[in-house]
Amino acid sequence: MAESLFENFQGSPDAWIVILAEPWEEVVFEGGREAWQVIDVAWLSIKGF
């Protein structure tokens, strides 16, 4: 599985960027050195992983 790159995501205090897992799905990270790479982001919320 390829890694996910999140770059230059610029939310704000009133407009967050939100990444949510599906509540009925199982989230599995396998292998590799990293699952996600986050570069230069602001006001980002990742939930359910």
PDB file of N, CA and C in Angstrom:
ATOM      1  N   MET A   1       0.843  -1.174   0.000  1.00  0.00           N
ATOM      2  CA  MET A   1       0.000   0.000   0.000  1.00  0.00           C
ATOM      3  C   MET A   1       0.890   1.240   0.000  1.00  0.00           C
ATOM      4  N   ALA A   2       0.533   2.210  -0.789  1.00  0.00           N
ATOM      5  CA  ALA A   2       1.307   3.453  -0.865  1.00  0.00           C
ATOM      6  C   ALA A   2       1.008   4.333   0.342  1.00  0.00           C
ATOM      7  N   GLU A   3       1.994   5.116   0.731  1.00  0.00           N
ATOM      8  CA  GLU A   3       1.777   6.051   1.834  1.00  0.00           C
ATOM      9  C   GLU A   3       0.904   7.199   1.362  1.00  0.00           C
ATOM     10  N   SER A   4       0.291   7.878   2.297  1.00  0.00           N
ATOM     11  CA  SER A   4      -0.551   9.040   1.994  1.00  0.00           C
ATOM     12  C   SER A   4       0.204  10.305   2.367  1.00  0.00           C
ATOM     13  N   LEU A   5       0.217  11.253   1.469  1.00  0.00           N
ATOM     14  CA  LEU A   5       0.896  12.520   1.693  1.00  0.00           C
ATOM     15  C   LEU A   5      -0.146  13.626   1.775  1.00  0.00           C
ATOM     16  N   PHE A   6      -0.143  14.347   2.888  1.00  0.00           N
ATOM     17  CA  PHE A   6      -1.007  15.508   3.077  1.00  0.00           C
ATOM     18  C   PHE A   6      -0.094  16.715   3.142  1.00  0.00           C
ATOM     19  N   GLU A   7      -0.172  17.570   2.134  1.00  0.00           N
ATOM     20  CA  GLU A   7       0.745  18.706   2.057  1.00  0.00           C
ATOM     21  C   GLU A   7      -0.038  19.980   1.760  1.00  0.00           C
ATOM     22  N   ASN A   8       0.314  21.037   2.486  1.00  0.00           N
ATOM     23  CA  ASN A   8      -0.285  22.363   2.287  1.00  0.00           C
ATOM     24  C   ASN A   8      -1.793  22.377   2.513  1.00  0.00           C
ATOM     25  N   PHE A   9      -2.267  21.606   3.484  1.00  0.00           N
ATOM     26  CA  PHE A   9      -3.675  21.670   3.889  1.00  0.00           C
ATOM     27  C   PHE A   9      -3.774  22.817   4.876  1.00  0.00           C
ATOM     28  N   GLN A  10      -4.482  23.861   4.533  1.00  0.00           N
ATOM     29  CA  GLN A  10      -4.553  25.051   5.368  1.00  0.00           C
ATOM     30  C   GLN A  10      -6.000  25.344   5.752  1.00  0.00           C
ATOM     31  N   GLY A  11      -6.425  24.776   6.876  1.00  0.00           N
ATOM     32  CA  GLY A  11      -7.729  25.117   7.424  1.00  0.00           C
ATOM     33  C   GLY A  11      -7.606  26.422   8.199  1.00  0.00           C
ATOM     34  N   SER A  12      -8.592  26.687   9.035  1.00  0.00           N
ATOM     35  CA  SER A  12      -8.562  27.876   9.892  1.00  0.00           C
ATOM     36  C   SER A  12      -9.280  27.538  11.194  1.00  0.00           C
ATOM     37  N   PRO A  13      -9.192  28.412  12.199  1.00  0.00           N
ATOM     38  CA  PRO A  13      -9.878  28.124  13.457  1.00  0.00           C
ATOM     39  C   PRO A  13     -11.387  27.913  13.287  1.00  0.00           C
ATOM     40  N   ASP A  14     -11.973  28.549  12.298  1.00  0.00           N
ATOM     41  CA  ASP A  14     -13.415  28.419  12.047  1.00  0.00           C
ATOM     42  C   ASP A  14     -13.749  27.407  10.962  1.00  0.00           C
ATOM     43  N   ALA A  15     -12.739  26.866  10.285  1.00  0.00           N
ATOM     44  CA  ALA A  15     -12.972  25.918   9.186  1.00  0.00           C
ATOM     45  C   ALA A  15     -11.874  24.857   9.184  1.00  0.00           C
ATOM     46  N   TRP A  16     -11.982  23.918  10.133  1.00  0.00           N
ATOM     47  CA  TRP A  16     -11.006  22.830  10.233  1.00  0.00           C
ATOM     48  C   TRP A  16     -11.112  21.897   9.026  1.00  0.00           C
ATOM     49  N   ILE A  17     -10.022  21.281   8.667  1.00  0.00           N
ATOM     50  CA  ILE A  17     -10.025  20.178   7.714  1.00  0.00           C
ATOM     51  C   ILE A  17     -10.100  18.913   8.562  1.00  0.00           C
ATOM     52  N   VAL A  18     -11.116  18.081   8.330  1.00  0.00           N
ATOM     53  CA  VAL A  18     -11.345  16.905   9.163  1.00  0.00           C
ATOM     54  C   VAL A  18     -11.317  15.652   8.291  1.00  0.00           C
ATOM     55  N   ILE A  19     -10.510  14.687   8.682  1.00  0.00           N
ATOM     56  CA  ILE A  19     -10.434  13.382   8.013  1.00  0.00           C
ATOM     57  C   ILE A  19     -10.976  12.361   9.002  1.00  0.00           C
ATOM     58  N   LEU A  20     -12.063  11.684   8.628  1.00  0.00           N
ATOM     59  CA  LEU A  20     -12.738  10.748   9.515  1.00  0.00           C
ATOM     60  C   LEU A  20     -12.691   9.333   8.951  1.00  0.00           C
ATOM     61  N   ALA A  21     -12.468   8.366   9.834  1.00  0.00           N
ATOM     62  CA  ALA A  21     -12.605   6.967   9.443  1.00  0.00           C
ATOM     63  C   ALA A  21     -14.095   6.634   9.401  1.00  0.00           C
ATOM     64  N   GLU A  22     -14.473   5.717   8.543  1.00  0.00           N
ATOM     65  CA  GLU A  22     -15.857   5.255   8.525  1.00  0.00           C
ATOM     66  C   GLU A  22     -16.119   4.496   9.822  1.00  0.00           C
ATOM     67  N   PRO A  23     -17.178   4.835  10.557  1.00  0.00           N
ATOM     68  CA  PRO A  23     -17.394   4.221  11.868  1.00  0.00           C
ATOM     69  C   PRO A  23     -17.640   2.712  11.810  1.00  0.00           C
ATOM     70  N   TRP A  24     -18.110   2.195  10.687  1.00  0.00           N
ATOM     71  CA  TRP A  24     -18.421   0.768  10.584  1.00  0.00           C
ATOM     72  C   TRP A  24     -17.286  -0.043   9.934  1.00  0.00           C
ATOM     73  N   GLU A  25     -16.188   0.609   9.591  1.00  0.00           N
ATOM     74  CA  GLU A  25     -15.064  -0.061   8.951  1.00  0.00           C
ATOM     75  C   GLU A  25     -13.898  -0.237   9.924  1.00  0.00           C
ATOM     76  N   GLU A  26     -13.099  -1.273   9.711  1.00  0.00           N
ATOM     77  CA  GLU A  26     -11.886  -1.492  10.500  1.00  0.00           C
ATOM     78  C   GLU A  26     -10.725  -0.821   9.790  1.00  0.00           C
ATOM     79  N   VAL A  27      -9.940  -0.050  10.515  1.00  0.00           N
ATOM     80  CA  VAL A  27      -8.781   0.645   9.947  1.00  0.00           C
ATOM     81  C   VAL A  27      -7.531  -0.137  10.311  1.00  0.00           C
ATOM     82  N   VAL A  28      -6.753  -0.513   9.279  1.00  0.00           N
ATOM     83  CA  VAL A  28      -5.546  -1.304   9.504  1.00  0.00           C
ATOM     84  C   VAL A  28      -4.381  -0.649   8.767  1.00  0.00           C
ATOM     85  N   PHE A  29      -3.282  -0.406   9.476  1.00  0.00           N
ATOM     86  CA  PHE A  29      -2.048   0.070   8.867  1.00  0.00           C
ATOM     87  C   PHE A  29      -1.087  -1.103   8.853  1.00  0.00           C
ATOM     88  N   GLU A  30      -0.520  -1.409   7.680  1.00  0.00           N
ATOM     89  CA  GLU A  30       0.386  -2.542   7.571  1.00  0.00           C
ATOM     90  C   GLU A  30       1.687  -2.138   6.899  1.00  0.00           C
ATOM     91  N   GLY A  31       2.794  -2.664   7.427  1.00  0.00           N
ATOM     92  CA  GLY A  31       4.104  -2.554   6.785  1.00  0.00           C
ATOM     93  C   GLY A  31       4.585  -1.129   6.578  1.00  0.00           C
ATOM     94  N   GLY A  32       5.758  -1.028   5.997  1.00  0.00           N
ATOM     95  CA  GLY A  32       6.331   0.276   5.684  1.00  0.00           C
ATOM     96  C   GLY A  32       6.847   1.009   6.909  1.00  0.00           C
ATOM     97  N   ARG A  33       7.479   2.158   6.659  1.00  0.00           N
ATOM     98  CA  ARG A  33       8.046   2.971   7.735  1.00  0.00           C
ATOM     99  C   ARG A  33       7.039   3.949   8.307  1.00  0.00           C
ATOM    100  N   GLU A  34       6.099   4.392   7.491  1.00  0.00           N
ATOM    101  CA  GLU A  34       5.129   5.392   7.937  1.00  0.00           C
ATOM    102  C   GLU A  34       3.823   5.178   7.199  1.00  0.00           C
ATOM    103  N   ALA A  35       2.750   5.569   7.819  1.00  0.00           N
ATOM    104  CA  ALA A  35       1.436   5.431   7.193  1.00  0.00           C
ATOM    105  C   ALA A  35       1.043   6.720   6.475  1.00  0.00           C
ATOM    106  N   TRP A  36       1.233   7.852   7.172  1.00  0.00           N
ATOM    107  CA  TRP A  36       0.885   9.148   6.603  1.00  0.00           C
ATOM    108  C   TRP A  36       2.051  10.086   6.790  1.00  0.00           C
ATOM    109  N   GLN A  37       2.220  10.964   5.836  1.00  0.00           N
ATOM    110  CA  GLN A  37       3.219  12.025   5.956  1.00  0.00           C
ATOM    111  C   GLN A  37       2.474  13.349   5.879  1.00  0.00           C
ATOM    112  N   VAL A  38       2.696  14.208   6.866  1.00  0.00           N
ATOM    113  CA  VAL A  38       1.983  15.488   6.953  1.00  0.00           C
ATOM    114  C   VAL A  38       3.012  16.608   6.892  1.00  0.00           C
ATOM    115  N   ILE A  39       2.863  17.504   5.895  1.00  0.00           N
ATOM    116  CA  ILE A  39       3.813  18.588   5.686  1.00  0.00           C
ATOM    117  C   ILE A  39       3.053  19.909   5.571  1.00  0.00           C
ATOM    118  N   ASP A  40       3.445  20.885   6.366  1.00  0.00           N
ATOM    119  CA  ASP A  40       2.901  22.244   6.277  1.00  0.00           C
ATOM    120  C   ASP A  40       1.376  22.267   6.286  1.00  0.00           C
ATOM    121  N   VAL A  41       0.797  21.767   7.385  1.00  0.00           N
ATOM    122  CA  VAL A  41      -0.658  21.793   7.520  1.00  0.00           C
ATOM    123  C   VAL A  41      -1.042  22.665   8.703  1.00  0.00           C
ATOM    124  N   ALA A  42      -2.268  23.174   8.669  1.00  0.00           N
ATOM    125  CA  ALA A  42      -2.801  23.972   9.776  1.00  0.00           C
ATOM    126  C   ALA A  42      -4.253  23.606   9.971  1.00  0.00           C
ATOM    127  N   TRP A  43      -4.638  23.438  11.233  1.00  0.00           N
ATOM    128  CA  TRP A  43      -6.014  23.187  11.593  1.00  0.00           C
ATOM    129  C   TRP A  43      -6.545  21.914  10.914  1.00  0.00           C
ATOM    130  N   LEU A  44      -5.844  20.819  11.140  1.00  0.00           N
ATOM    131  CA  LEU A  44      -6.202  19.505  10.590  1.00  0.00           C
ATOM    132  C   LEU A  44      -6.531  18.570  11.734  1.00  0.00           C
ATOM    133  N   SER A  45      -7.653  17.876  11.644  1.00  0.00           N
ATOM    134  CA  SER A  45      -8.070  16.905  12.659  1.00  0.00           C
ATOM    135  C   SER A  45      -8.246  15.548  11.975  1.00  0.00           C
ATOM    136  N   ILE A  46      -7.628  14.513  12.540  1.00  0.00           N
ATOM    137  CA  ILE A  46      -7.751  13.142  12.021  1.00  0.00           C
ATOM    138  C   ILE A  46      -8.370  12.315  13.139  1.00  0.00           C
ATOM    139  N   LYS A  47      -9.518  11.706  12.875  1.00  0.00           N
ATOM    140  CA  LYS A  47     -10.257  10.993  13.924  1.00  0.00           C
ATOM    141  C   LYS A  47     -10.637   9.580  13.488  1.00  0.00           C
ATOM    142  N   GLY A  48     -10.609   8.668  14.458  1.00  0.00           N
ATOM    143  CA  GLY A  48     -11.112   7.322  14.237  1.00  0.00           C
ATOM    144  C   GLY A  48     -10.111   6.341  13.664  1.00  0.00           C
ATOM    145  N   PHE A  49      -8.842   6.702  13.670  1.00  0.00           N
ATOM    146  CA  PHE A  49      -7.827   5.811  13.123  1.00  0.00           C
ATOM    147  C   PHE A  49      -6.995   5.226  14.232  1.00  0.00           C
TER     148      PHE A  49
END
